[in-house]
Amino acid sequence: MTKNTSLILIFLLWLIIGTGGYMLYTEIAKESSEQVISPVEDDDSWEDITDEEDRNGENIEPNISLSEDNKNIMLGESVLLWINDIRLMNMFREESQLCDEFNIESSMEWREFCEDREVFVSQTSFASIDISPDNTKVWFTLESDVLIPDTLVGFFSLSDNEINFLSNYYLGNEFISFSPNGAYFIYRGFCWEAKCGLSVRDSETLEEVWSINNPEYIDMRQEDVQFLRWISDNEIEYELGTEILQELF
């Protein structure tokens, strides 16, 4: 073997060893890089992030409330229903007995209440409100300084700006409560001489599904009725006179 041949063999051996070492170094570096780029996720940290995103994305119910003076129903800082809405005044003018001919002829105070809008506003307020489970309707009771503590029950629809009245204006009328799942609501209405009736309606359609102590002529009542509790979503317990009864509807 000549000297030149030996040098060539040594060079080839060095080249093979160098190439193998470079490939091994490259593979190790690649694995190390992948570990840095794709770290093992911390389950607890991920749950915390997810919970925070859920909280940030949750639906916030509208803030419906009464104004401090009880003259307006508010949605945040905006007015949904003013006490000076002419539909409220017309209810007293046309449907309540406050503004019949006898009353306005016998009392200047009642005449001003029935004919002067500013007087009506100053003497009338929302006694209370309740919000439907789907946040689309507001049940309210109205009262007036002209005749206290008589009340009127009605509701206001946010979707179509409609007002409906569920009772006359008299002592004892009140919105009571929604059923446990909110499908129904119950109220006392059309009271007369401290005797009232109970009515249950569908919260969505407002269709009456049951009533008690509501004769054709309200002065025919012999006893008062009191709601006691919801037994379930479609069953109530009430007191009629001295009897405690239950009704499934």
C-alpha atoms as a PDB file:
ATOM      1  CA  MET A   1       0.000   0.000   0.000  1.00  0.00           C
ATOM      2  CA  THR A   2       1.446   3.309  -1.042  1.00  0.00           C
ATOM      3  CA  LYS A   3       1.595   6.417   1.079  1.00  0.00           C
ATOM      4  CA  ASN A   4      -1.029   8.188  -1.061  1.00  0.00           C
ATOM      5  CA  THR A   5      -3.459   5.298  -0.687  1.00  0.00           C
ATOM      6  CA  SER A   6      -3.117   5.365   3.108  1.00  0.00           C
ATOM      7  CA  LEU A   7      -3.878   9.079   3.178  1.00  0.00           C
ATOM      8  CA  ILE A   8      -7.007   8.588   1.087  1.00  0.00           C
ATOM      9  CA  LEU A   9      -8.283   5.828   3.409  1.00  0.00           C
ATOM     10  CA  ILE A  10      -7.652   7.956   6.498  1.00  0.00           C
ATOM     11  CA  PHE A  11      -9.544  10.878   4.913  1.00  0.00           C
ATOM     12  CA  LEU A  12     -12.519   8.686   4.023  1.00  0.00           C
ATOM     13  CA  LEU A  13     -12.638   7.245   7.570  1.00  0.00           C
ATOM     14  CA  TRP A  14     -12.559  10.749   9.056  1.00  0.00           C
ATOM     15  CA  LEU A  15     -15.338  11.858   6.696  1.00  0.00           C
ATOM     16  CA  ILE A  16     -17.554   8.900   7.687  1.00  0.00           C
ATOM     17  CA  ILE A  17     -17.063   9.519  11.406  1.00  0.00           C
ATOM     18  CA  GLY A  18     -17.684  13.249  11.021  1.00  0.00           C
ATOM     19  CA  THR A  19     -20.880  12.759   8.999  1.00  0.00           C
ATOM     20  CA  GLY A  20     -22.277  10.261  11.513  1.00  0.00           C
ATOM     21  CA  GLY A  21     -21.539  12.564  14.415  1.00  0.00           C
ATOM     22  CA  TYR A  22     -23.234  15.501  12.682  1.00  0.00           C
ATOM     23  CA  MET A  23     -26.383  13.461  11.958  1.00  0.00           C
ATOM     24  CA  LEU A  24     -26.570  12.284  15.601  1.00  0.00           C
ATOM     25  CA  TYR A  25     -26.167  15.887  16.850  1.00  0.00           C
ATOM     26  CA  THR A  26     -28.910  17.087  14.461  1.00  0.00           C
ATOM     27  CA  GLU A  27     -31.400  14.436  15.682  1.00  0.00           C
ATOM     28  CA  ILE A  28     -30.758  15.253  19.349  1.00  0.00           C
ATOM     29  CA  ALA A  29     -31.210  18.980  18.689  1.00  0.00           C
ATOM     30  CA  LYS A  30     -34.463  18.326  16.810  1.00  0.00           C
ATOM     31  CA  GLU A  31     -35.943  16.310  19.706  1.00  0.00           C
ATOM     32  CA  SER A  32     -34.925  18.996  22.175  1.00  0.00           C
ATOM     33  CA  SER A  33     -36.547  21.685  20.003  1.00  0.00           C
ATOM     34  CA  GLU A  34     -39.828  19.757  19.754  1.00  0.00           C
ATOM     35  CA  GLN A  35     -39.994  19.454  23.545  1.00  0.00           C
ATOM     36  CA  VAL A  36     -39.651  23.218  23.908  1.00  0.00           C
ATOM     37  CA  ILE A  37     -42.260  24.014  21.230  1.00  0.00           C
ATOM     38  CA  SER A  38     -44.867  21.505  22.487  1.00  0.00           C
ATOM     39  CA  PRO A  39     -44.774  21.488  26.307  1.00  0.00           C
ATOM     40  CA  VAL A  40     -47.073  19.247  28.325  1.00  0.00           C
ATOM     41  CA  GLU A  41     -50.261  21.192  29.135  1.00  0.00           C
ATOM     42  CA  ASP A  42     -51.142  21.823  32.779  1.00  0.00           C
ATOM     43  CA  ASP A  43     -54.733  20.614  33.225  1.00  0.00           C
ATOM     44  CA  ASP A  44     -55.439  22.962  36.123  1.00  0.00           C
ATOM     45  CA  SER A  45     -54.169  26.017  34.257  1.00  0.00           C
ATOM     46  CA  TRP A  46     -56.249  25.108  31.196  1.00  0.00           C
ATOM     47  CA  GLU A  47     -59.392  24.759  33.301  1.00  0.00           C
ATOM     48  CA  ASP A  48     -58.758  28.155  34.846  1.00  0.00           C
ATOM     49  CA  ILE A  49     -58.428  29.749  31.403  1.00  0.00           C
ATOM     50  CA  THR A  50     -61.581  28.010  30.150  1.00  0.00           C
ATOM     51  CA  ASP A  51     -63.551  29.118  33.200  1.00  0.00           C
ATOM     52  CA  GLU A  52     -62.418  32.693  32.705  1.00  0.00           C
ATOM     53  CA  GLU A  53     -63.474  32.623  29.053  1.00  0.00           C
ATOM     54  CA  ASP A  54     -66.865  31.197  30.056  1.00  0.00           C
ATOM     55  CA  ARG A  55     -67.352  33.962  32.582  1.00  0.00           C
ATOM     56  CA  ASN A  56     -66.396  36.615  30.055  1.00  0.00           C
ATOM     57  CA  GLY A  57     -68.771  35.174  27.455  1.00  0.00           C
ATOM     58  CA  GLU A  58     -71.793  34.491  29.645  1.00  0.00           C
ATOM     59  CA  ASN A  59     -75.147  36.135  28.915  1.00  0.00           C
ATOM     60  CA  ILE A  60     -75.869  38.959  31.326  1.00  0.00           C
ATOM     61  CA  GLU A  61     -79.528  39.450  32.186  1.00  0.00           C
ATOM     62  CA  PRO A  62     -80.874  42.932  31.545  1.00  0.00           C
ATOM     63  CA  ASN A  63     -80.900  45.159  34.619  1.00  0.00           C
ATOM     64  CA  ILE A  64     -84.602  46.071  34.877  1.00  0.00           C
ATOM     65  CA  SER A  65     -85.564  48.058  37.948  1.00  0.00           C
ATOM     66  CA  LEU A  66     -87.714  50.858  39.325  1.00  0.00           C
ATOM     67  CA  SER A  67     -86.411  54.396  39.441  1.00  0.00           C
ATOM     68  CA  GLU A  68     -85.785  55.850  42.886  1.00  0.00           C
ATOM     69  CA  ASP A  69     -89.048  57.799  42.810  1.00  0.00           C
ATOM     70  CA  ASN A  70     -91.014  54.758  41.532  1.00  0.00           C
ATOM     71  CA  LYS A  71     -92.210  56.793  38.543  1.00  0.00           C
ATOM     72  CA  ASN A  72     -90.392  54.835  35.826  1.00  0.00           C
ATOM     73  CA  ILE A  73     -89.448  51.270  34.921  1.00  0.00           C
ATOM     74  CA  MET A  74     -85.806  51.339  33.867  1.00  0.00           C
ATOM     75  CA  LEU A  75     -83.485  49.197  31.755  1.00  0.00           C
ATOM     76  CA  GLY A  76     -80.112  50.250  33.087  1.00  0.00           C
ATOM     77  CA  GLU A  77     -80.106  54.019  32.551  1.00  0.00           C
ATOM     78  CA  SER A  78     -82.863  53.974  29.900  1.00  0.00           C
ATOM     79  CA  VAL A  79     -86.584  54.352  30.586  1.00  0.00           C
ATOM     80  CA  LEU A  80     -88.778  51.455  29.464  1.00  0.00           C
ATOM     81  CA  LEU A  81     -92.099  52.795  30.746  1.00  0.00           C
ATOM     82  CA  TRP A  82     -92.934  56.246  32.145  1.00  0.00           C
ATOM     83  CA  ILE A  83     -95.666  56.750  34.700  1.00  0.00           C
ATOM     84  CA  ASN A  84     -96.986  59.542  32.438  1.00  0.00           C
ATOM     85  CA  ASP A  85     -97.722  57.076  29.636  1.00  0.00           C
ATOM     86  CA  ILE A  86    -101.203  58.075  28.443  1.00  0.00           C
ATOM     87  CA  ARG A  87    -102.255  54.412  28.414  1.00  0.00           C
ATOM     88  CA  LEU A  88    -101.869  54.258  32.181  1.00  0.00           C
ATOM     89  CA  MET A  89    -103.862  57.439  32.666  1.00  0.00           C
ATOM     90  CA  ASN A  90    -106.596  56.236  30.317  1.00  0.00           C
ATOM     91  CA  MET A  91    -106.948  53.044  32.319  1.00  0.00           C
ATOM     92  CA  PHE A  92    -107.899  55.124  35.354  1.00  0.00           C
ATOM     93  CA  ARG A  93    -110.069  57.439  33.268  1.00  0.00           C
ATOM     94  CA  GLU A  94    -111.991  54.767  31.410  1.00  0.00           C
ATOM     95  CA  GLU A  95    -111.904  51.537  33.406  1.00  0.00           C
ATOM     96  CA  SER A  96    -111.492  52.396  37.075  1.00  0.00           C
ATOM     97  CA  GLN A  97    -114.303  53.873  39.112  1.00  0.00           C
ATOM     98  CA  LEU A  98    -112.128  56.761  40.254  1.00  0.00           C
ATOM     99  CA  CYS A  99    -113.088  58.878  37.274  1.00  0.00           C
ATOM    100  CA  ASP A 100    -116.771  58.142  36.977  1.00  0.00           C
ATOM    101  CA  GLU A 101    -119.188  61.073  36.963  1.00  0.00           C
ATOM    102  CA  PHE A 102    -120.115  60.748  40.616  1.00  0.00           C
ATOM    103  CA  ASN A 103    -116.503  60.953  41.839  1.00  0.00           C
ATOM    104  CA  ILE A 104    -115.327  63.828  39.663  1.00  0.00           C
ATOM    105  CA  GLU A 105    -118.468  65.827  40.440  1.00  0.00           C
ATOM    106  CA  SER A 106    -118.090  65.333  44.173  1.00  0.00           C
ATOM    107  CA  SER A 107    -114.327  65.871  44.533  1.00  0.00           C
ATOM    108  CA  MET A 108    -112.105  68.528  42.948  1.00  0.00           C
ATOM    109  CA  GLU A 109    -109.073  66.411  43.850  1.00  0.00           C
ATOM    110  CA  TRP A 110    -110.369  63.474  41.849  1.00  0.00           C
ATOM    111  CA  ARG A 111    -111.365  65.705  38.947  1.00  0.00           C
ATOM    112  CA  GLU A 112    -107.819  67.102  38.731  1.00  0.00           C
ATOM    113  CA  PHE A 113    -106.399  63.572  38.994  1.00  0.00           C
ATOM    114  CA  CYS A 114    -108.575  62.390  36.093  1.00  0.00           C
ATOM    115  CA  GLU A 115    -108.204  65.436  33.850  1.00  0.00           C
ATOM    116  CA  ASP A 116    -104.785  66.948  34.547  1.00  0.00           C
ATOM    117  CA  ARG A 117    -101.878  64.838  33.368  1.00  0.00           C
ATOM    118  CA  GLU A 118     -99.345  66.522  35.652  1.00  0.00           C
ATOM    119  CA  VAL A 119    -101.537  65.878  38.674  1.00  0.00           C
ATOM    120  CA  PHE A 120    -101.949  62.245  37.639  1.00  0.00           C
ATOM    121  CA  VAL A 121     -98.169  61.812  37.341  1.00  0.00           C
ATOM    122  CA  SER A 122     -97.507  63.455  40.702  1.00  0.00           C
ATOM    123  CA  GLN A 123    -100.034  61.224  42.491  1.00  0.00           C
ATOM    124  CA  THR A 124     -99.423  57.865  40.769  1.00  0.00           C
ATOM    125  CA  SER A 125     -96.475  55.460  40.995  1.00  0.00           C
ATOM    126  CA  PHE A 126     -95.396  51.865  40.434  1.00  0.00           C
ATOM    127  CA  ALA A 127     -95.727  49.991  43.730  1.00  0.00           C
ATOM    128  CA  SER A 128     -93.668  46.981  42.590  1.00  0.00           C
ATOM    129  CA  ILE A 129     -92.431  45.085  39.540  1.00  0.00           C
ATOM    130  CA  ASP A 130     -91.574  41.466  38.668  1.00  0.00           C
ATOM    131  CA  ILE A 131     -89.621  40.312  35.616  1.00  0.00           C
ATOM    132  CA  SER A 132     -90.651  37.301  33.513  1.00  0.00           C
ATOM    133  CA  PRO A 133     -88.117  34.439  33.404  1.00  0.00           C
ATOM    134  CA  ASP A 134     -87.285  35.196  29.737  1.00  0.00           C
ATOM    135  CA  ASN A 135     -86.824  38.921  30.505  1.00  0.00           C
ATOM    136  CA  THR A 136     -89.411  39.981  27.895  1.00  0.00           C
ATOM    137  CA  LYS A 137     -92.257  41.164  30.164  1.00  0.00           C
ATOM    138  CA  VAL A 138     -92.528  43.296  33.281  1.00  0.00           C
ATOM    139  CA  TRP A 139     -95.415  42.725  35.704  1.00  0.00           C
ATOM    140  CA  PHE A 140     -96.280  45.769  37.742  1.00  0.00           C
ATOM    141  CA  THR A 141     -98.690  47.064  40.349  1.00  0.00           C
ATOM    142  CA  LEU A 142     -99.852  50.676  40.273  1.00  0.00           C
ATOM    143  CA  GLU A 143    -101.072  52.774  43.155  1.00  0.00           C
ATOM    144  CA  SER A 144    -102.316  56.338  43.533  1.00  0.00           C
ATOM    145  CA  ASP A 145    -102.358  58.821  46.382  1.00  0.00           C
ATOM    146  CA  VAL A 146    -105.973  59.529  45.465  1.00  0.00           C
ATOM    147  CA  LEU A 147    -107.055  56.168  46.858  1.00  0.00           C
ATOM    148  CA  ILE A 148    -104.562  54.210  48.984  1.00  0.00           C
ATOM    149  CA  PRO A 149    -103.897  51.306  49.442  1.00  0.00           C
ATOM    150  CA  ASP A 150    -105.830  50.209  46.352  1.00  0.00           C
ATOM    151  CA  THR A 151    -103.730  48.739  43.536  1.00  0.00           C
ATOM    152  CA  LEU A 152    -103.931  47.630  39.927  1.00  0.00           C
ATOM    153  CA  VAL A 153    -102.046  44.712  38.331  1.00  0.00           C
ATOM    154  CA  GLY A 154    -100.753  44.829  34.762  1.00  0.00           C
ATOM    155  CA  PHE A 155     -97.806  43.918  32.589  1.00  0.00           C
ATOM    156  CA  PHE A 156     -95.664  45.582  29.967  1.00  0.00           C
ATOM    157  CA  SER A 157     -94.192  43.695  26.992  1.00  0.00           C
ATOM    158  CA  LEU A 158     -90.715  44.844  25.996  1.00  0.00           C
ATOM    159  CA  SER A 159     -90.884  43.198  22.574  1.00  0.00           C
ATOM    160  CA  ASP A 160     -94.002  44.984  21.261  1.00  0.00           C
ATOM    161  CA  ASN A 161     -94.427  47.875  23.739  1.00  0.00           C
ATOM    162  CA  GLU A 162     -97.879  46.589  24.733  1.00  0.00           C
ATOM    163  CA  ILE A 163     -99.532  47.231  28.104  1.00  0.00           C
ATOM    164  CA  ASN A 164    -102.215  44.901  29.449  1.00  0.00           C
ATOM    165  CA  PHE A 165    -104.171  45.170  32.694  1.00  0.00           C
ATOM    166  CA  LEU A 166    -105.062  42.030  34.635  1.00  0.00           C
ATOM    167  CA  SER A 167    -107.219  43.475  37.382  1.00  0.00           C
ATOM    168  CA  ASN A 168    -109.418  46.372  38.373  1.00  0.00           C
ATOM    169  CA  TYR A 169    -108.185  49.117  40.710  1.00  0.00           C
ATOM    170  CA  TYR A 170    -109.109  47.981  44.179  1.00  0.00           C
ATOM    171  CA  LEU A 171    -107.789  46.919  47.581  1.00  0.00           C
ATOM    172  CA  GLY A 172    -106.024  43.523  47.565  1.00  0.00           C
ATOM    173  CA  ASN A 173    -105.018  43.212  43.909  1.00  0.00           C
ATOM    174  CA  GLU A 174    -101.449  41.925  43.645  1.00  0.00           C
ATOM    175  CA  PHE A 175     -99.043  39.952  41.491  1.00  0.00           C
ATOM    176  CA  ILE A 176     -98.003  37.000  43.679  1.00  0.00           C
ATOM    177  CA  SER A 177     -95.293  34.903  42.028  1.00  0.00           C
ATOM    178  CA  PHE A 178     -94.095  32.728  39.168  1.00  0.00           C
ATOM    179  CA  SER A 179     -94.195  28.936  39.337  1.00  0.00           C
ATOM    180  CA  PRO A 180     -90.858  27.259  40.160  1.00  0.00           C
ATOM    181  CA  ASN A 181     -89.854  26.934  36.487  1.00  0.00           C
ATOM    182  CA  GLY A 182     -91.500  30.218  35.480  1.00  0.00           C
ATOM    183  CA  ALA A 183     -94.027  28.629  33.097  1.00  0.00           C
ATOM    184  CA  TYR A 184     -97.009  30.075  35.006  1.00  0.00           C
ATOM    185  CA  PHE A 185     -97.766  32.987  37.307  1.00  0.00           C
ATOM    186  CA  ILE A 186    -100.475  33.609  39.871  1.00  0.00           C
ATOM    187  CA  TYR A 187    -102.120  36.835  41.021  1.00  0.00           C
ATOM    188  CA  ARG A 188    -105.039  38.153  43.072  1.00  0.00           C
ATOM    189  CA  GLY A 189    -107.450  40.290  41.129  1.00  0.00           C
ATOM    190  CA  PHE A 190    -110.883  41.841  40.781  1.00  0.00           C
ATOM    191  CA  CYS A 191    -111.182  42.251  44.514  1.00  0.00           C
ATOM    192  CA  TRP A 192    -114.316  43.597  46.145  1.00  0.00           C
ATOM    193  CA  GLU A 193    -115.045  44.312  49.806  1.00  0.00           C
ATOM    194  CA  ALA A 194    -111.757  42.640  50.910  1.00  0.00           C
ATOM    195  CA  LYS A 195    -112.596  39.497  48.949  1.00  0.00           C
ATOM    196  CA  CYS A 196    -110.493  38.514  45.935  1.00  0.00           C
ATOM    197  CA  GLY A 197    -110.120  35.847  43.297  1.00  0.00           C
ATOM    198  CA  LEU A 198    -107.011  33.922  42.267  1.00  0.00           C
ATOM    199  CA  SER A 199    -105.962  33.383  38.662  1.00  0.00           C
ATOM    200  CA  VAL A 200    -103.143  31.353  37.103  1.00  0.00           C
ATOM    201  CA  ARG A 201    -101.912  32.218  33.619  1.00  0.00           C
ATOM    202  CA  ASP A 202     -99.360  30.909  31.161  1.00  0.00           C
ATOM    203  CA  SER A 203     -96.305  33.196  31.313  1.00  0.00           C
ATOM    204  CA  GLU A 204     -95.754  33.055  27.559  1.00  0.00           C
ATOM    205  CA  THR A 205     -99.270  33.189  26.090  1.00  0.00           C
ATOM    206  CA  LEU A 206    -100.975  34.863  29.101  1.00  0.00           C
ATOM    207  CA  GLU A 207    -103.844  32.401  28.663  1.00  0.00           C
ATOM    208  CA  GLU A 208    -105.707  31.758  31.892  1.00  0.00           C
ATOM    209  CA  VAL A 209    -105.320  28.099  32.874  1.00  0.00           C
ATOM    210  CA  TRP A 210    -107.170  28.176  36.209  1.00  0.00           C
ATOM    211  CA  SER A 211    -109.067  30.531  38.511  1.00  0.00           C
ATOM    212  CA  ILE A 212    -111.001  30.354  41.762  1.00  0.00           C
ATOM    213  CA  ASN A 213    -113.434  32.659  43.547  1.00  0.00           C
ATOM    214  CA  ASN A 214    -114.112  34.635  40.374  1.00  0.00           C
ATOM    215  CA  PRO A 215    -117.907  34.676  39.878  1.00  0.00           C
ATOM    216  CA  GLU A 216    -119.505  36.578  37.038  1.00  0.00           C
ATOM    217  CA  TYR A 217    -120.426  39.374  39.429  1.00  0.00           C
ATOM    218  CA  ILE A 218    -117.677  40.092  41.940  1.00  0.00           C
ATOM    219  CA  ASP A 219    -120.087  41.248  44.623  1.00  0.00           C
ATOM    220  CA  MET A 220    -121.463  37.682  44.730  1.00  0.00           C
ATOM    221  CA  ARG A 221    -118.362  36.410  46.553  1.00  0.00           C
ATOM    222  CA  GLN A 222    -118.946  34.990  49.987  1.00  0.00           C
ATOM    223  CA  GLU A 223    -115.335  34.339  51.085  1.00  0.00           C
ATOM    224  CA  ASP A 224    -111.787  35.531  50.467  1.00  0.00           C
ATOM    225  CA  VAL A 225    -109.085  33.326  48.938  1.00  0.00           C
ATOM    226  CA  GLN A 226    -105.375  33.299  49.762  1.00  0.00           C
ATOM    227  CA  PHE A 227    -102.512  31.676  47.860  1.00  0.00           C
ATOM    228  CA  LEU A 228    -100.310  29.550  50.130  1.00  0.00           C
ATOM    229  CA  ARG A 229     -97.593  27.917  47.978  1.00  0.00           C
ATOM    230  CA  TRP A 230     -96.540  26.238  44.765  1.00  0.00           C
ATOM    231  CA  ILE A 231     -96.464  22.470  45.317  1.00  0.00           C
ATOM    232  CA  SER A 232     -94.945  21.935  41.872  1.00  0.00           C
ATOM    233  CA  ASP A 233     -94.848  23.757  38.550  1.00  0.00           C
ATOM    234  CA  ASN A 234     -98.516  23.005  37.922  1.00  0.00           C
ATOM    235  CA  GLU A 235     -99.985  22.492  41.371  1.00  0.00           C
ATOM    236  CA  ILE A 236    -100.811  25.033  44.060  1.00  0.00           C
ATOM    237  CA  GLU A 237    -102.117  25.132  47.604  1.00  0.00           C
ATOM    238  CA  TYR A 238    -104.548  27.839  48.668  1.00  0.00           C
ATOM    239  CA  GLU A 239    -106.958  28.760  51.419  1.00  0.00           C
ATOM    240  CA  LEU A 240    -110.608  29.450  50.609  1.00  0.00           C
ATOM    241  CA  GLY A 241    -112.439  30.691  53.652  1.00  0.00           C
ATOM    242  CA  THR A 242    -111.311  28.242  56.350  1.00  0.00           C
ATOM    243  CA  GLU A 243    -110.473  25.356  53.968  1.00  0.00           C
ATOM    244  CA  ILE A 244    -106.960  24.540  52.743  1.00  0.00           C
ATOM    245  CA  LEU A 245    -107.203  23.080  49.251  1.00  0.00           C
ATOM    246  CA  GLN A 246    -104.917  21.966  46.445  1.00  0.00           C
ATOM    247  CA  GLU A 247    -105.373  22.313  42.695  1.00  0.00           C
ATOM    248  CA  LEU A 248    -103.596  20.595  39.808  1.00  0.00           C
ATOM    249  CA  PHE A 249    -103.885  22.247  36.386  1.00  0.00           C
END
